[in-house]
N, C-alpha and C. Protein backbone atom coordinates (compact mmCIF):
# COMPACT_ATOMS: atom_id res chain seq x y z
N MET A 1 144.12 16.13 -121.53
CA MET A 1 145.39 16.82 -121.18
C MET A 1 145.46 16.90 -119.72
N GLU A 2 146.68 16.77 -119.20
CA GLU A 2 146.96 16.92 -117.85
C GLU A 2 147.16 18.47 -117.54
N PRO A 3 146.71 18.93 -116.32
CA PRO A 3 146.94 20.29 -116.02
C PRO A 3 148.35 20.74 -116.14
N ILE A 4 148.62 21.94 -116.61
CA ILE A 4 149.93 22.49 -116.84
C ILE A 4 150.15 23.61 -115.88
N GLU A 5 151.29 23.58 -115.11
CA GLU A 5 151.64 24.66 -114.19
C GLU A 5 152.36 25.75 -114.94
N ILE A 6 152.12 26.97 -114.52
CA ILE A 6 152.73 28.11 -115.28
C ILE A 6 153.44 29.05 -114.20
N ASN A 7 154.68 29.48 -114.50
CA ASN A 7 155.32 30.51 -113.59
C ASN A 7 154.94 31.83 -114.22
N ALA A 8 154.27 32.65 -113.48
CA ALA A 8 153.87 34.04 -114.01
C ALA A 8 154.66 35.04 -113.22
N GLY A 9 155.94 35.02 -113.20
CA GLY A 9 156.85 35.94 -112.46
C GLY A 9 156.69 35.83 -110.97
N SER A 10 156.00 36.67 -110.33
CA SER A 10 155.86 36.59 -108.84
C SER A 10 154.76 35.68 -108.48
N TRP A 11 154.09 35.07 -109.37
CA TRP A 11 152.88 34.22 -109.00
C TRP A 11 153.11 32.86 -109.72
N TYR A 12 152.50 31.86 -109.06
CA TYR A 12 152.51 30.56 -109.52
C TYR A 12 151.13 30.16 -109.83
N LEU A 13 150.91 29.54 -111.02
CA LEU A 13 149.58 29.11 -111.55
C LEU A 13 149.60 27.62 -111.64
N ARG A 14 148.53 26.97 -111.03
CA ARG A 14 148.43 25.58 -110.90
C ARG A 14 146.93 25.25 -111.06
N ALA A 15 146.67 23.93 -111.17
CA ALA A 15 145.33 23.38 -111.21
C ALA A 15 144.58 23.61 -109.86
N LEU A 16 143.33 23.79 -109.93
CA LEU A 16 142.63 23.88 -108.65
C LEU A 16 142.67 22.58 -107.92
N ARG A 17 142.71 22.69 -106.60
CA ARG A 17 142.80 21.51 -105.64
C ARG A 17 141.85 21.57 -104.58
N ALA A 18 141.43 20.35 -104.16
CA ALA A 18 140.59 20.15 -102.97
C ALA A 18 140.96 18.79 -102.42
N ASP A 19 142.19 18.74 -101.67
CA ASP A 19 142.65 17.44 -101.23
C ASP A 19 143.18 17.70 -99.81
N GLU A 20 143.87 16.64 -99.25
CA GLU A 20 144.39 16.70 -97.90
C GLU A 20 145.56 17.70 -97.80
N ARG A 21 146.17 18.11 -98.81
CA ARG A 21 147.26 19.05 -98.71
C ARG A 21 146.83 20.52 -99.02
N ILE A 22 146.04 20.67 -100.07
CA ILE A 22 145.54 22.10 -100.42
C ILE A 22 144.08 22.02 -100.67
N ASP A 23 143.40 22.98 -100.13
CA ASP A 23 141.94 22.97 -100.36
C ASP A 23 141.53 24.42 -100.87
N ASP A 24 141.27 24.62 -102.16
CA ASP A 24 141.07 25.91 -102.68
C ASP A 24 139.60 26.34 -102.39
N ARG A 25 138.75 25.47 -101.99
CA ARG A 25 137.30 25.85 -101.85
C ARG A 25 137.04 26.99 -100.97
N PRO A 26 137.67 27.28 -99.87
CA PRO A 26 137.38 28.46 -99.05
C PRO A 26 137.81 29.78 -99.81
N ALA A 27 138.90 29.85 -100.52
CA ALA A 27 139.26 30.90 -101.38
C ALA A 27 138.29 31.11 -102.51
N LEU A 28 137.84 30.00 -103.10
CA LEU A 28 136.89 30.14 -104.17
C LEU A 28 135.50 30.65 -103.65
N ALA A 29 135.16 30.35 -102.40
CA ALA A 29 134.04 30.94 -101.83
C ALA A 29 134.11 32.42 -101.73
N ASP A 30 135.31 32.88 -101.35
CA ASP A 30 135.50 34.36 -101.43
C ASP A 30 135.16 34.94 -102.71
N GLY A 31 135.30 34.23 -103.80
CA GLY A 31 134.97 34.75 -105.13
C GLY A 31 133.54 34.42 -105.56
N GLY A 32 132.82 33.90 -104.57
CA GLY A 32 131.36 33.58 -104.79
C GLY A 32 131.22 32.20 -105.42
N ILE A 33 132.12 31.31 -105.49
CA ILE A 33 131.95 30.02 -106.06
C ILE A 33 131.87 29.08 -104.88
N THR A 34 130.73 28.67 -104.67
CA THR A 34 130.45 27.65 -103.47
C THR A 34 130.00 26.26 -103.94
N ASP A 35 129.93 25.98 -105.25
CA ASP A 35 129.58 24.65 -105.68
C ASP A 35 130.58 23.63 -105.18
N PRO A 36 130.23 22.60 -104.46
CA PRO A 36 131.10 21.66 -103.85
C PRO A 36 131.81 20.80 -104.93
N ASP A 37 131.26 20.70 -106.11
CA ASP A 37 131.75 19.92 -107.20
C ASP A 37 132.58 20.73 -108.16
N TYR A 38 132.83 22.04 -107.87
CA TYR A 38 133.48 22.96 -108.79
C TYR A 38 134.90 22.49 -109.08
N VAL A 39 135.72 22.18 -108.15
CA VAL A 39 137.07 21.76 -108.39
C VAL A 39 137.17 20.49 -109.15
N ALA A 40 136.35 19.52 -108.82
CA ALA A 40 136.32 18.26 -109.64
C ALA A 40 135.96 18.43 -111.09
N ARG A 41 134.89 19.32 -111.22
CA ARG A 41 134.48 19.58 -112.58
C ARG A 41 135.59 20.29 -113.39
N ARG A 42 136.27 21.23 -112.87
CA ARG A 42 137.33 21.98 -113.49
C ARG A 42 138.40 20.99 -113.88
N ASN A 43 138.80 20.05 -112.99
CA ASN A 43 139.82 19.11 -113.33
C ASN A 43 139.34 18.12 -114.42
N ALA A 44 138.09 17.75 -114.50
CA ALA A 44 137.56 16.89 -115.54
C ALA A 44 137.60 17.64 -116.80
N GLU A 45 137.39 18.87 -116.82
CA GLU A 45 137.42 19.69 -118.01
C GLU A 45 138.84 19.77 -118.71
N TRP A 46 139.85 19.72 -117.80
CA TRP A 46 141.11 19.59 -118.38
C TRP A 46 141.33 18.32 -119.26
N ALA A 47 140.86 17.19 -118.53
CA ALA A 47 140.99 15.88 -119.14
C ALA A 47 140.30 15.83 -120.50
N ASP A 48 139.08 16.51 -120.60
CA ASP A 48 138.42 16.42 -121.92
C ASP A 48 138.64 17.64 -122.80
N GLU A 49 139.56 18.63 -122.29
CA GLU A 49 139.96 19.65 -123.13
C GLU A 49 138.90 20.64 -123.46
N THR A 50 137.85 20.82 -122.59
CA THR A 50 136.77 21.75 -122.85
C THR A 50 136.94 23.10 -122.10
N HIS A 51 137.77 23.12 -121.09
CA HIS A 51 138.05 24.31 -120.29
C HIS A 51 139.31 24.10 -119.59
N PHE A 52 140.20 25.03 -119.56
CA PHE A 52 141.45 24.95 -118.81
C PHE A 52 141.43 26.04 -117.74
N SER A 53 141.73 25.70 -116.49
CA SER A 53 141.70 26.60 -115.45
C SER A 53 142.93 26.63 -114.63
N TRP A 54 143.23 27.76 -114.00
CA TRP A 54 144.45 27.84 -113.14
C TRP A 54 144.01 28.63 -111.86
N ALA A 55 144.60 28.21 -110.79
CA ALA A 55 144.62 28.91 -109.52
C ALA A 55 145.84 29.78 -109.66
N VAL A 56 145.71 31.11 -109.47
CA VAL A 56 146.82 32.00 -109.37
C VAL A 56 147.14 32.05 -107.86
N CYS A 57 148.38 31.69 -107.46
CA CYS A 57 148.74 31.41 -106.13
C CYS A 57 149.93 32.25 -105.61
N ILE A 58 149.90 32.52 -104.35
CA ILE A 58 151.12 33.05 -103.73
C ILE A 58 152.13 31.86 -103.62
N PRO A 59 153.36 32.05 -104.18
CA PRO A 59 154.23 30.84 -104.24
C PRO A 59 154.68 30.23 -103.02
N THR A 60 154.75 31.12 -101.90
CA THR A 60 155.27 30.59 -100.61
C THR A 60 154.20 29.82 -99.85
N THR A 61 152.88 30.13 -100.06
CA THR A 61 151.90 29.47 -99.38
C THR A 61 150.93 28.60 -100.24
N ALA A 62 150.96 28.81 -101.51
CA ALA A 62 150.03 28.03 -102.56
C ALA A 62 148.63 28.52 -102.33
N GLU A 63 148.35 29.60 -101.64
CA GLU A 63 147.00 30.20 -101.44
C GLU A 63 146.48 30.68 -102.74
N LEU A 64 145.24 30.37 -103.10
CA LEU A 64 144.63 30.80 -104.33
C LEU A 64 144.24 32.22 -104.02
N ILE A 65 144.64 33.11 -104.95
CA ILE A 65 144.28 34.57 -104.84
C ILE A 65 143.53 34.95 -106.10
N ALA A 66 143.50 34.22 -107.15
CA ALA A 66 142.73 34.51 -108.34
C ALA A 66 142.52 33.18 -109.12
N GLU A 67 141.67 33.21 -110.09
CA GLU A 67 141.33 32.14 -110.92
C GLU A 67 141.30 32.59 -112.35
N ILE A 68 141.93 31.82 -113.29
CA ILE A 68 141.94 32.17 -114.72
C ILE A 68 141.35 30.93 -115.41
N GLY A 69 140.52 31.14 -116.44
CA GLY A 69 139.95 30.14 -117.21
C GLY A 69 140.06 30.36 -118.72
N VAL A 70 140.26 29.38 -119.47
CA VAL A 70 140.37 29.44 -120.92
C VAL A 70 139.35 28.40 -121.37
N GLN A 71 138.40 28.78 -122.34
CA GLN A 71 137.46 27.97 -122.90
C GLN A 71 137.61 27.96 -124.47
N PRO A 72 138.04 26.92 -125.08
CA PRO A 72 138.10 26.82 -126.43
C PRO A 72 136.74 27.06 -127.11
N THR A 73 136.61 27.85 -128.16
CA THR A 73 135.33 28.14 -128.74
C THR A 73 134.93 27.29 -129.98
N GLY A 74 135.97 26.51 -130.53
CA GLY A 74 135.70 25.75 -131.65
C GLY A 74 136.10 26.41 -133.05
N ASP A 75 136.37 27.71 -133.00
CA ASP A 75 136.68 28.41 -134.26
C ASP A 75 138.12 28.93 -134.28
N GLY A 76 138.99 28.31 -133.45
CA GLY A 76 140.40 28.63 -133.41
C GLY A 76 140.76 29.77 -132.38
N THR A 77 139.77 30.16 -131.58
CA THR A 77 139.91 31.15 -130.54
C THR A 77 139.55 30.42 -129.26
N ALA A 78 139.87 31.11 -128.16
CA ALA A 78 139.57 30.71 -126.78
C ALA A 78 139.23 31.88 -125.96
N LEU A 79 138.07 31.82 -125.22
CA LEU A 79 137.65 32.85 -124.37
C LEU A 79 138.48 32.79 -123.03
N VAL A 80 139.08 33.88 -122.70
CA VAL A 80 139.87 34.00 -121.50
C VAL A 80 139.20 34.78 -120.42
N THR A 81 138.97 34.30 -119.29
CA THR A 81 138.30 34.93 -118.22
C THR A 81 139.16 34.84 -116.89
N GLY A 82 138.74 35.68 -115.95
CA GLY A 82 139.48 35.61 -114.63
C GLY A 82 138.84 36.52 -113.64
N TRP A 83 139.11 36.25 -112.37
CA TRP A 83 138.59 36.98 -111.22
C TRP A 83 139.65 36.90 -110.22
N ALA A 84 139.69 37.92 -109.38
CA ALA A 84 140.63 38.03 -108.23
C ALA A 84 140.03 38.31 -106.93
N ARG A 85 140.62 37.76 -105.86
CA ARG A 85 140.23 38.16 -104.54
C ARG A 85 140.61 39.59 -104.36
N SER A 86 139.79 40.26 -103.50
CA SER A 86 140.08 41.76 -103.19
C SER A 86 141.55 41.94 -102.88
N GLY A 87 142.17 42.92 -103.59
CA GLY A 87 143.53 43.30 -103.37
C GLY A 87 144.57 42.62 -104.20
N TYR A 88 144.12 41.66 -105.03
CA TYR A 88 144.99 40.84 -105.79
C TYR A 88 144.88 41.10 -107.32
N GLU A 89 144.36 42.12 -107.72
CA GLU A 89 144.08 42.41 -109.15
C GLU A 89 145.33 42.44 -109.95
N ALA A 90 146.52 42.90 -109.40
CA ALA A 90 147.75 42.85 -110.02
C ALA A 90 148.17 41.44 -110.31
N ALA A 91 147.99 40.54 -109.44
CA ALA A 91 148.30 39.17 -109.66
C ALA A 91 147.45 38.52 -110.84
N LEU A 92 146.19 38.92 -110.78
CA LEU A 92 145.35 38.52 -111.87
C LEU A 92 145.87 39.00 -113.29
N ALA A 93 146.17 40.20 -113.30
CA ALA A 93 146.77 40.85 -114.65
C ALA A 93 148.04 40.08 -114.97
N ASP A 94 148.93 39.72 -114.17
CA ASP A 94 150.09 39.21 -114.54
C ASP A 94 149.77 37.69 -114.99
N GLY A 95 148.97 36.95 -114.26
CA GLY A 95 148.44 35.64 -114.57
C GLY A 95 147.84 35.66 -116.00
N LEU A 96 147.04 36.58 -116.26
CA LEU A 96 146.28 36.60 -117.54
C LEU A 96 147.34 36.69 -118.66
N GLU A 97 148.29 37.60 -118.48
CA GLU A 97 149.36 37.78 -119.57
C GLU A 97 150.07 36.35 -119.90
N SER A 98 150.37 35.69 -118.84
CA SER A 98 151.07 34.36 -119.05
C SER A 98 150.08 33.30 -119.60
N VAL A 99 148.91 33.36 -119.22
CA VAL A 99 147.93 32.41 -119.73
C VAL A 99 147.58 32.69 -121.24
N ARG A 100 147.50 33.91 -121.58
CA ARG A 100 147.30 34.25 -123.04
C ARG A 100 148.40 33.73 -123.83
N ARG A 101 149.66 33.91 -123.44
CA ARG A 101 150.77 33.39 -124.08
C ARG A 101 150.68 31.81 -124.22
N PHE A 102 150.42 31.18 -123.08
CA PHE A 102 150.23 29.72 -123.14
C PHE A 102 149.11 29.31 -124.15
N THR A 103 148.02 30.04 -124.12
CA THR A 103 146.86 29.81 -125.00
C THR A 103 147.34 29.77 -126.54
N ALA A 104 148.05 30.79 -126.84
CA ALA A 104 148.59 30.92 -128.23
C ALA A 104 149.63 29.97 -128.55
N GLY A 105 150.57 29.89 -127.73
CA GLY A 105 151.79 29.03 -127.97
C GLY A 105 151.50 27.53 -127.83
N ALA A 106 150.98 27.09 -126.71
CA ALA A 106 150.83 25.72 -126.41
C ALA A 106 149.60 25.05 -126.99
N LEU A 107 148.40 25.85 -126.93
CA LEU A 107 147.22 25.32 -127.41
C LEU A 107 146.93 25.68 -128.86
N GLY A 108 147.69 26.65 -129.38
CA GLY A 108 147.49 27.04 -130.76
C GLY A 108 146.11 27.82 -131.07
N LEU A 109 145.69 28.45 -130.03
CA LEU A 109 144.41 29.14 -130.09
C LEU A 109 144.60 30.65 -129.91
N GLN A 110 143.86 31.43 -130.55
CA GLN A 110 143.94 32.90 -130.39
C GLN A 110 143.16 33.30 -129.11
N PRO A 111 143.75 33.87 -128.07
CA PRO A 111 143.08 34.18 -126.92
C PRO A 111 142.19 35.51 -127.15
N VAL A 112 140.98 35.43 -126.68
CA VAL A 112 140.06 36.52 -126.72
C VAL A 112 139.54 36.82 -125.28
N ASP A 113 139.69 38.07 -124.84
CA ASP A 113 139.32 38.32 -123.53
C ASP A 113 137.76 38.42 -123.43
N ALA A 114 137.27 38.06 -122.29
CA ALA A 114 135.82 38.24 -122.04
C ALA A 114 135.53 39.67 -121.85
N SER A 115 134.43 40.15 -122.28
CA SER A 115 134.10 41.58 -121.93
C SER A 115 133.55 41.89 -120.72
């Protein structure tokens, strides 16, 4: 599956990127994610449908402020996780709501929040 963009009200959700136009790796490092292959792995997981991830972004700058992931579990449910950079917890909450709707409606899976 190709990555799907989602409009979450005040926030824009898109696939993670590390290219000449947008590089999410510095923002990911703020969240403790420093693996240089992280973005490539997340994009490959979209292709094989084992994990779906979104960068929650400020629409005017495309800056990553949170990340949301959905991992199908094989039993009709999907584990939904997320983290936000400091000060952007509201953006994460809004994004999670939209991703849960996408998970149920587009993927046909029951979203289950990580504890």
